[in-house]
Protein backbone atom coordinates (compact mmCIF):
# COMPACT_ATOMS: atom_id res chain seq x y z
CA MET A 1 -133.89 -41.61 131.83
CA SER A 2 -132.94 -39.28 129.04
CA LYS A 3 -130.62 -36.41 129.80
CA PRO A 4 -131.95 -32.82 129.83
CA ALA A 5 -132.41 -31.64 126.27
CA VAL A 6 -130.44 -28.61 125.12
CA LYS A 7 -133.02 -26.05 124.06
CA SER A 8 -130.70 -23.42 122.67
CA THR A 9 -127.15 -22.21 122.67
CA LEU A 10 -126.71 -18.65 123.86
CA LYS A 11 -123.64 -16.56 123.29
CA PRO A 12 -123.49 -13.35 125.30
CA SER A 13 -121.93 -10.30 123.78
CA THR A 14 -118.17 -10.39 124.05
CA ALA A 15 -117.51 -6.75 123.24
CA SER A 16 -117.02 -4.23 126.03
CA ARG A 17 -115.47 -0.81 125.52
CA GLY A 18 -113.58 -1.98 122.48
CA LYS A 19 -112.09 -5.02 124.20
CA VAL A 20 -112.91 -8.48 122.84
CA HIS A 21 -113.45 -11.25 125.36
CA ARG A 22 -113.38 -14.96 124.63
CA ARG A 23 -116.86 -16.41 124.35
CA PRO A 24 -117.72 -19.14 126.83
CA ASN A 25 -119.71 -22.19 125.82
CA VAL A 26 -123.21 -21.32 126.99
CA GLU A 27 -126.02 -23.85 127.16
CA ARG A 28 -129.58 -23.61 128.36
CA VAL A 29 -130.84 -26.94 129.65
CA ALA A 30 -134.54 -27.67 130.00
CA PRO A 31 -136.10 -29.91 132.66
CA GLU A 32 -135.94 -33.57 131.73
CA SER A 33 -138.87 -34.85 129.72
CA HIS A 34 -140.73 -37.84 131.12
CA PRO A 35 -143.70 -39.92 130.07
CA VAL A 36 -146.94 -38.14 130.93
CA GLU A 37 -147.76 -40.43 133.82
CA LYS A 38 -144.40 -39.66 135.41
CA GLN A 39 -144.87 -35.93 134.97
CA LYS A 40 -148.06 -35.95 136.95
CA VAL A 41 -147.39 -35.14 140.57
CA ILE A 42 -150.56 -34.65 142.54
CA THR A 43 -150.17 -32.81 145.82
CA THR A 44 -152.53 -34.08 148.45
CA ALA A 45 -154.11 -30.66 148.64
CA ASP A 46 -155.04 -30.80 144.94
CA ARG A 47 -155.81 -34.48 144.49
CA GLY A 48 -159.37 -34.91 143.32
CA ARG A 49 -159.76 -31.58 141.53
CA ASN A 50 -157.12 -30.20 139.15
CA PRO A 51 -153.88 -32.23 139.33
CA LEU A 52 -150.77 -30.08 139.41
CA LYS A 53 -148.16 -31.15 136.87
CA LYS A 54 -144.57 -30.87 137.94
CA ALA A 55 -141.26 -31.61 136.35
CA LEU A 56 -139.20 -32.69 139.31
CA HIS A 57 -135.98 -34.51 138.58
CA PRO A 58 -136.62 -38.22 137.89
CA ARG A 59 -134.47 -39.23 140.89
CA ASN A 60 -136.47 -37.01 143.23
CA VAL A 61 -138.27 -39.19 145.78
CA HIS A 62 -141.02 -36.56 146.01
CA LEU A 63 -142.15 -37.03 142.40
CA LYS A 64 -145.52 -38.43 143.47
CA GLY A 65 -146.22 -35.98 146.26
CA TYR A 66 -146.43 -36.55 150.01
CA ASP A 67 -147.53 -39.82 151.57
CA PHE A 68 -148.99 -38.39 154.77
CA SER A 69 -149.77 -41.79 156.26
CA ALA A 70 -146.11 -42.81 156.03
CA LEU A 71 -144.95 -39.42 157.26
CA VAL A 72 -147.18 -39.56 160.32
CA THR A 73 -145.83 -43.03 161.06
CA ALA A 74 -142.30 -41.64 160.90
CA LEU A 75 -143.13 -38.57 163.01
CA PRO A 76 -146.39 -39.02 164.95
CA LYS A 77 -146.61 -35.35 166.01
CA LEU A 78 -147.32 -34.45 162.39
CA LYS A 79 -150.76 -36.05 162.83
CA ALA A 80 -152.00 -32.99 164.72
CA PHE A 81 -151.60 -30.90 161.56
CA VAL A 82 -152.98 -33.32 158.96
CA ARG A 83 -156.53 -32.70 157.80
CA PRO A 84 -158.72 -34.01 154.98
CA THR A 85 -159.26 -31.55 152.15
CA PRO A 86 -162.65 -30.88 150.55
CA TYR A 87 -161.48 -33.18 147.79
CA GLY A 88 -161.01 -36.21 150.00
CA ALA A 89 -157.22 -36.17 150.34
CA LEU A 90 -154.91 -35.48 153.26
CA SER A 91 -152.90 -32.28 153.58
CA ILE A 92 -151.74 -29.62 156.01
CA ASP A 93 -152.30 -25.87 156.18
CA PHE A 94 -149.26 -24.59 154.29
CA ALA A 95 -149.83 -21.10 155.73
CA ASP A 96 -149.19 -22.47 159.24
CA PRO A 97 -145.43 -22.15 159.99
CA LEU A 98 -145.45 -24.85 162.65
CA ALA A 99 -147.29 -27.27 160.37
CA VAL A 100 -144.78 -26.75 157.56
CA LYS A 101 -141.81 -27.08 159.90
CA THR A 102 -143.21 -30.33 161.29
CA LEU A 103 -143.80 -31.62 157.76
CA ASN A 104 -140.16 -30.90 156.91
CA ALA A 105 -138.98 -32.75 160.00
CA ALA A 106 -141.12 -35.74 158.98
CA LEU A 107 -139.80 -35.67 155.40
CA LEU A 108 -136.20 -35.54 156.60
CA LYS A 109 -136.74 -38.41 159.01
CA HIS A 110 -138.74 -40.64 156.65
CA HIS A 111 -136.76 -40.14 153.44
CA TYR A 112 -133.29 -39.05 154.56
CA GLY A 113 -132.68 -40.68 157.94
CA VAL A 114 -132.40 -37.38 159.83
CA GLU A 115 -133.84 -37.94 163.29
CA TYR A 116 -133.73 -34.35 164.52
CA TRP A 117 -134.27 -31.12 162.61
CA ASP A 118 -135.49 -27.79 163.92
CA ILE A 119 -135.13 -24.09 163.12
CA PRO A 120 -135.59 -20.95 165.21
CA LYS A 121 -138.78 -18.93 164.95
CA GLY A 122 -138.66 -16.70 161.89
CA ALA A 123 -135.94 -18.67 160.08
CA LEU A 124 -136.39 -19.75 156.48
CA CYS A 125 -138.32 -23.03 156.21
CA PRO A 126 -137.33 -24.52 152.85
CA PRO A 127 -139.52 -26.62 150.53
CA ILE A 128 -137.58 -29.88 150.51
CA PRO A 129 -138.66 -31.26 147.09
CA GLY A 130 -137.31 -28.17 145.34
CA ARG A 131 -134.11 -28.07 147.37
CA VAL A 132 -133.19 -31.68 146.66
CA ASP A 133 -133.99 -31.11 142.97
CA TYR A 134 -131.13 -28.59 142.81
CA LEU A 135 -128.77 -31.25 144.18
CA HIS A 136 -129.88 -33.88 141.66
CA TYR A 137 -129.19 -31.52 138.77
CA LEU A 138 -125.79 -30.67 140.27
CA ALA A 139 -124.95 -34.38 140.39
CA ASP A 140 -125.79 -34.59 136.68
CA LEU A 141 -123.68 -31.50 136.00
CA LEU A 142 -120.73 -33.03 137.81
CA ALA A 143 -121.01 -36.43 136.09
CA GLU A 144 -121.28 -34.88 132.60
CA GLY A 145 -123.06 -37.96 131.27
CA ASP A 146 -120.74 -40.58 132.79
CA LYS A 147 -122.39 -42.47 135.64
CA SER A 148 -119.21 -44.34 136.55
CA TRP A 149 -117.66 -41.48 138.54
CA ALA A 150 -117.57 -41.84 142.32
CA LEU A 151 -119.60 -38.72 142.99
CA GLY A 152 -119.64 -39.54 146.70
CA ASN A 153 -116.06 -38.25 146.87
CA ALA A 154 -117.18 -34.75 145.92
CA ARG A 155 -116.55 -31.80 148.20
CA VAL A 156 -119.18 -29.05 148.05
CA LEU A 157 -119.37 -25.47 149.32
CA ASP A 158 -122.76 -24.08 150.38
CA ILE A 159 -122.86 -20.28 150.41
CA GLY A 160 -125.47 -18.98 152.86
CA THR A 161 -126.59 -22.23 154.44
CA GLY A 162 -128.98 -20.43 156.81
CA ALA A 163 -130.32 -21.85 160.05
CA ASN A 164 -131.87 -24.84 158.27
CA GLY A 165 -128.66 -26.23 156.69
CA ILE A 166 -130.85 -27.98 154.17
CA TYR A 167 -128.41 -28.42 151.28
CA PRO A 168 -125.61 -30.01 153.33
CA ILE A 169 -128.14 -32.23 155.10
CA LEU A 170 -129.74 -33.46 151.88
CA GLY A 171 -126.52 -33.62 149.85
CA SER A 172 -124.68 -35.64 152.46
CA GLN A 173 -127.55 -38.10 152.77
CA VAL A 174 -128.46 -38.49 149.10
CA TYR A 175 -124.98 -38.46 147.55
CA GLY A 176 -122.55 -38.79 150.46
CA TRP A 177 -120.96 -35.42 149.63
CA GLN A 178 -118.67 -33.65 152.08
CA PHE A 179 -119.82 -30.09 152.75
CA VAL A 180 -118.45 -26.80 153.92
CA ALA A 181 -121.46 -24.72 154.96
CA SER A 182 -120.96 -20.96 155.30
CA ASP A 183 -123.12 -18.15 156.55
CA ILE A 184 -122.82 -14.56 157.72
CA ASN A 185 -125.08 -15.21 160.72
CA ALA A 186 -123.38 -16.91 163.68
CA HIS A 187 -126.75 -17.83 165.23
CA SER A 188 -127.75 -19.65 162.05
CA LEU A 189 -124.55 -21.67 162.09
CA ALA A 190 -125.08 -22.46 165.77
CA ASN A 191 -128.45 -23.99 164.92
CA VAL A 192 -126.95 -26.07 162.10
CA ARG A 193 -124.30 -27.24 164.57
CA ARG A 194 -127.06 -28.42 166.94
CA ILE A 195 -128.70 -30.36 164.12
CA ILE A 196 -125.39 -32.04 163.27
CA GLU A 197 -124.65 -32.87 166.92
CA GLN A 198 -128.01 -34.64 167.28
CA ASN A 199 -127.70 -36.66 164.07
CA PRO A 200 -124.83 -39.17 163.94
CA VAL A 201 -125.46 -39.63 160.19
CA LEU A 202 -124.39 -36.01 159.62
CA GLN A 203 -121.32 -35.97 161.83
CA GLY A 204 -118.03 -35.81 159.98
CA ARG A 205 -119.79 -34.79 156.76
CA ILE A 206 -120.44 -31.08 157.33
CA SER A 207 -118.07 -28.37 158.55
CA LEU A 208 -119.15 -24.79 159.27
CA ARG A 209 -117.47 -21.47 158.43
CA LEU A 210 -118.57 -17.98 159.45
CA GLN A 211 -118.36 -15.19 156.86
CA LEU A 212 -117.10 -12.08 158.65
CA ASP A 213 -117.36 -9.69 155.69
CA GLU A 214 -120.94 -8.90 154.69
CA GLN A 215 -119.73 -7.60 151.31
CA ALA A 216 -117.93 -10.85 150.40
CA VAL A 217 -119.13 -14.21 149.10
CA PHE A 218 -116.15 -16.52 148.59
CA LYS A 219 -113.42 -14.32 150.08
CA GLY A 220 -112.81 -15.29 153.69
CA ILE A 221 -114.48 -18.67 153.19
CA ILE A 222 -112.41 -20.55 150.60
CA GLU A 223 -109.00 -21.32 152.07
CA ALA A 224 -105.72 -21.73 150.20
CA ASP A 225 -105.71 -25.54 150.28
CA ASP A 226 -109.44 -25.99 149.51
CA ARG A 227 -110.66 -27.82 146.42
CA PHE A 228 -114.39 -28.00 145.67
CA GLU A 229 -116.14 -29.93 142.94
CA LEU A 230 -119.20 -27.72 143.35
CA THR A 231 -120.31 -24.51 144.97
CA LEU A 232 -124.02 -23.87 145.43
CA CYS A 233 -126.13 -21.00 146.66
CA ASN A 234 -129.73 -19.88 147.08
CA PRO A 235 -129.08 -16.12 147.11
CA PRO A 236 -131.24 -13.52 148.84
CA PHE A 237 -133.46 -12.19 146.08
CA HIS A 238 -134.99 -9.06 147.63
CA ALA A 239 -133.25 -5.69 147.74
CA SER A 240 -134.85 -4.43 150.97
CA LEU A 241 -136.81 -5.52 154.03
CA ALA A 242 -139.93 -3.84 152.64
CA GLU A 243 -139.63 -5.78 149.39
CA ALA A 244 -139.11 -9.04 151.29
CA SER A 245 -142.15 -8.36 153.49
CA GLU A 246 -144.32 -7.67 150.46
CA GLY A 247 -143.12 -10.90 148.88
CA SER A 248 -144.08 -12.85 151.99
CA LEU A 249 -147.49 -11.20 152.12
CA ARG A 250 -148.07 -12.03 148.47
CA LYS A 251 -147.31 -15.70 149.15
CA VAL A 252 -149.78 -15.70 152.05
CA ARG A 253 -152.47 -14.21 149.84
CA ASN A 254 -151.81 -16.80 147.15
CA LEU A 255 -152.08 -19.64 149.66
CA ALA A 256 -155.29 -18.17 151.04
CA ALA A 257 -156.72 -17.79 147.54
CA ASN A 258 -155.96 -21.46 146.85
CA ARG A 259 -157.95 -22.32 149.96
CA GLY A 260 -160.77 -19.97 149.00
CA GLY A 261 -160.24 -17.71 151.98
CA LYS A 262 -158.54 -14.51 153.03
CA ALA A 263 -155.17 -14.29 154.73
CA PRO A 264 -154.83 -12.19 157.87
CA LEU A 265 -152.02 -9.64 157.86
CA ALA A 266 -150.48 -11.43 160.83
CA SER A 267 -149.71 -14.31 158.49
CA ALA A 268 -147.30 -12.21 156.46
CA LYS A 269 -144.30 -13.92 158.05
CA LEU A 270 -145.47 -17.02 156.22
CA ASN A 271 -144.57 -20.64 156.51
CA PHE A 272 -141.30 -20.11 154.63
CA GLY A 273 -140.16 -17.47 157.14
CA GLY A 274 -136.77 -15.97 156.54
CA GLN A 275 -134.40 -13.76 158.47
CA ALA A 276 -132.75 -10.66 157.00
CA ALA A 277 -129.67 -12.29 155.44
CA GLU A 278 -131.77 -15.17 154.09
CA LEU A 279 -134.26 -13.00 152.20
CA TRP A 280 -132.67 -9.69 151.25
CA CYS A 281 -129.41 -7.85 150.76
CA GLN A 282 -128.41 -4.49 149.37
CA GLY A 283 -128.86 -4.63 145.62
CA GLY A 284 -130.90 -7.83 145.82
CA GLU A 285 -130.26 -10.97 143.83
CA GLN A 286 -128.64 -9.18 140.89
CA GLN A 287 -125.96 -7.52 143.02
CA PHE A 288 -125.31 -10.70 145.01
CA LEU A 289 -124.79 -12.68 141.79
CA ALA A 290 -122.51 -9.96 140.39
CA THR A 291 -120.31 -10.17 143.49
CA MET A 292 -120.29 -13.96 143.38
CA ILE A 293 -119.27 -14.02 139.71
CA ARG A 294 -116.54 -11.43 140.23
CA GLU A 295 -115.06 -13.28 143.21
CA SER A 296 -115.26 -16.67 141.49
CA GLN A 297 -112.36 -15.67 139.26
CA MET A 298 -110.12 -15.44 142.34
CA PHE A 299 -110.78 -19.14 143.05
CA ALA A 300 -111.04 -20.42 139.47
CA ASP A 301 -108.39 -23.11 140.00
CA GLN A 302 -109.90 -24.31 143.28
CA CYS A 303 -113.47 -24.97 142.16
CA LEU A 304 -114.59 -27.18 139.29
CA TRP A 305 -118.10 -25.73 139.00
CA PHE A 306 -119.61 -22.60 140.50
CA THR A 307 -123.42 -22.60 140.66
CA SER A 308 -126.29 -20.55 142.01
CA LEU A 309 -130.04 -20.49 141.85
CA VAL A 310 -131.42 -17.52 139.90
CA SER A 311 -134.98 -16.63 140.83
CA LYS A 312 -135.49 -13.72 138.44
CA LYS A 313 -135.09 -14.50 134.75
CA GLU A 314 -134.10 -10.93 133.96
CA ASN A 315 -130.97 -11.35 136.08
CA LEU A 316 -129.52 -13.92 133.68
CA LYS A 317 -128.43 -11.50 130.96
CA PRO A 318 -126.14 -9.40 133.20
CA CYS A 319 -124.71 -12.66 134.58
CA TYR A 320 -123.88 -13.89 131.07
CA GLN A 321 -122.22 -10.58 130.28
CA ALA A 322 -120.15 -10.63 133.47
CA LEU A 323 -119.07 -14.23 132.88
CA ALA A 324 -118.02 -13.44 129.30
CA LYS A 325 -115.78 -10.64 130.55
CA LEU A 326 -114.06 -13.03 132.96
CA GLY A 327 -113.26 -15.52 130.22
CA VAL A 328 -115.00 -18.53 131.72
CA ASP A 329 -114.92 -21.64 129.56
CA THR A 330 -118.45 -22.99 130.00
CA VAL A 331 -121.77 -21.56 131.19
CA LYS A 332 -124.92 -23.64 131.64
CA THR A 333 -128.41 -22.58 132.63
CA ILE A 334 -130.54 -25.44 133.92
CA GLU A 335 -134.27 -24.84 134.27
CA MET A 336 -136.07 -26.50 137.16
CA GLN A 337 -139.83 -26.58 137.53
CA GLN A 338 -141.88 -27.27 140.63
CA GLY A 339 -145.56 -26.82 139.99
CA ASN A 340 -146.15 -23.49 138.29
CA LYS A 341 -142.83 -22.07 139.44
CA ILE A 342 -139.75 -22.14 137.22
CA THR A 343 -136.35 -21.34 138.65
CA ARG A 344 -132.90 -21.67 137.19
CA VAL A 345 -129.49 -23.01 138.11
CA LEU A 346 -126.69 -20.91 136.66
CA ALA A 347 -123.45 -22.91 136.46
CA TRP A 348 -120.04 -21.86 135.18
CA SER A 349 -116.57 -23.34 135.01
CA PHE A 350 -113.21 -21.81 134.16
CA HIS A 351 -111.97 -25.29 133.18
CA SER A 352 -112.23 -26.72 129.68
CA ALA A 353 -113.97 -30.06 129.12
CA ALA A 354 -110.57 -31.76 128.96
CA LYS A 355 -109.45 -30.19 132.22
CA ARG A 356 -112.73 -31.09 133.90
CA LEU A 357 -112.18 -34.70 132.88
CA GLN A 358 -108.66 -34.54 134.28
CA TRP A 359 -110.00 -33.08 137.54
CA ARG A 360 -112.60 -35.85 137.90
CA SER A 361 -110.03 -38.51 137.08
CA GLY A 362 -107.86 -37.28 139.93
CA ARG A 363 -110.49 -36.58 142.58
CA LEU A 364 -113.54 -38.66 141.65
CA LYS A 365 -111.93 -41.95 140.80
CA SER A 366 -113.99 -43.93 138.33
CA SER A 367 -115.67 -47.10 139.52
CA LYS A 368 -115.06 -48.79 136.14
């Protein structure tokens, strides 16, 4: 497969109050282009009417949608939620939280060898195809075009793992990465611990750390002797509970519209759920990213790449400006597309290309 094509090179302003800052190398990377037949991903809910085109990563096992027959075989209790659509395909009601949670458990068991997965009522229920896409693009980022590196030796920090622990679960199973998973909610970490304890394939691959300072991101989590090839994060993107609730209600209405019906207000909690720390924080996504970028400088020598999802495109510009002021060497923005939704991975490194190669040579020994 061809590598993501560089669409443009962006250089944020380096002037601030008369002081000149060194310009980082900034790249915007588009989703990989594939032959048309490989771009077509037909969800079972849409099959037979208007196929939904997606641009999932070419290594994503969910490129062709969900095989509900295989998923039911893997997890028979999913059968209770599977129904034929008016278009002759199989699907579930994606506005039903229990149906979506059961689908996730089936996906994790069938594709990733995870026998047990569960989350508390109201916790964020992540869409697995999009979450694993982030990890595939991070693997490409880490390899920098050289497939010979032993990426399985990578150590990764997940900021805000939530009660679902989805990134450490997927990353450890797909790439063999070692994870430190952090969160500000002790109950969320307790649930991830239960998942690990009931899955031998996860044991020894994921360690948990509680963030005690709600104003901090990396401080209090990264220890003096830590070295991470990657950090990742899906930050809370709402600035208040009211904003988060309206976002959930909007998603319910959109799902109902797709089904040709109306969504009851009681459905506002939605299939994706989400507790306070998972969905909103003071200042929203922009403030969270600003704090993350500022703190990353404190750990510049301990992390090869810092990354985060960025939901709102307008939040990129202030991020570029903040990164320029810190004197980072390289900034990359990777676009990911799932259906009609486009999100972005913002990645930055304080290390030059030569130093990144030296880092990989020491920690990710080549298999050549």
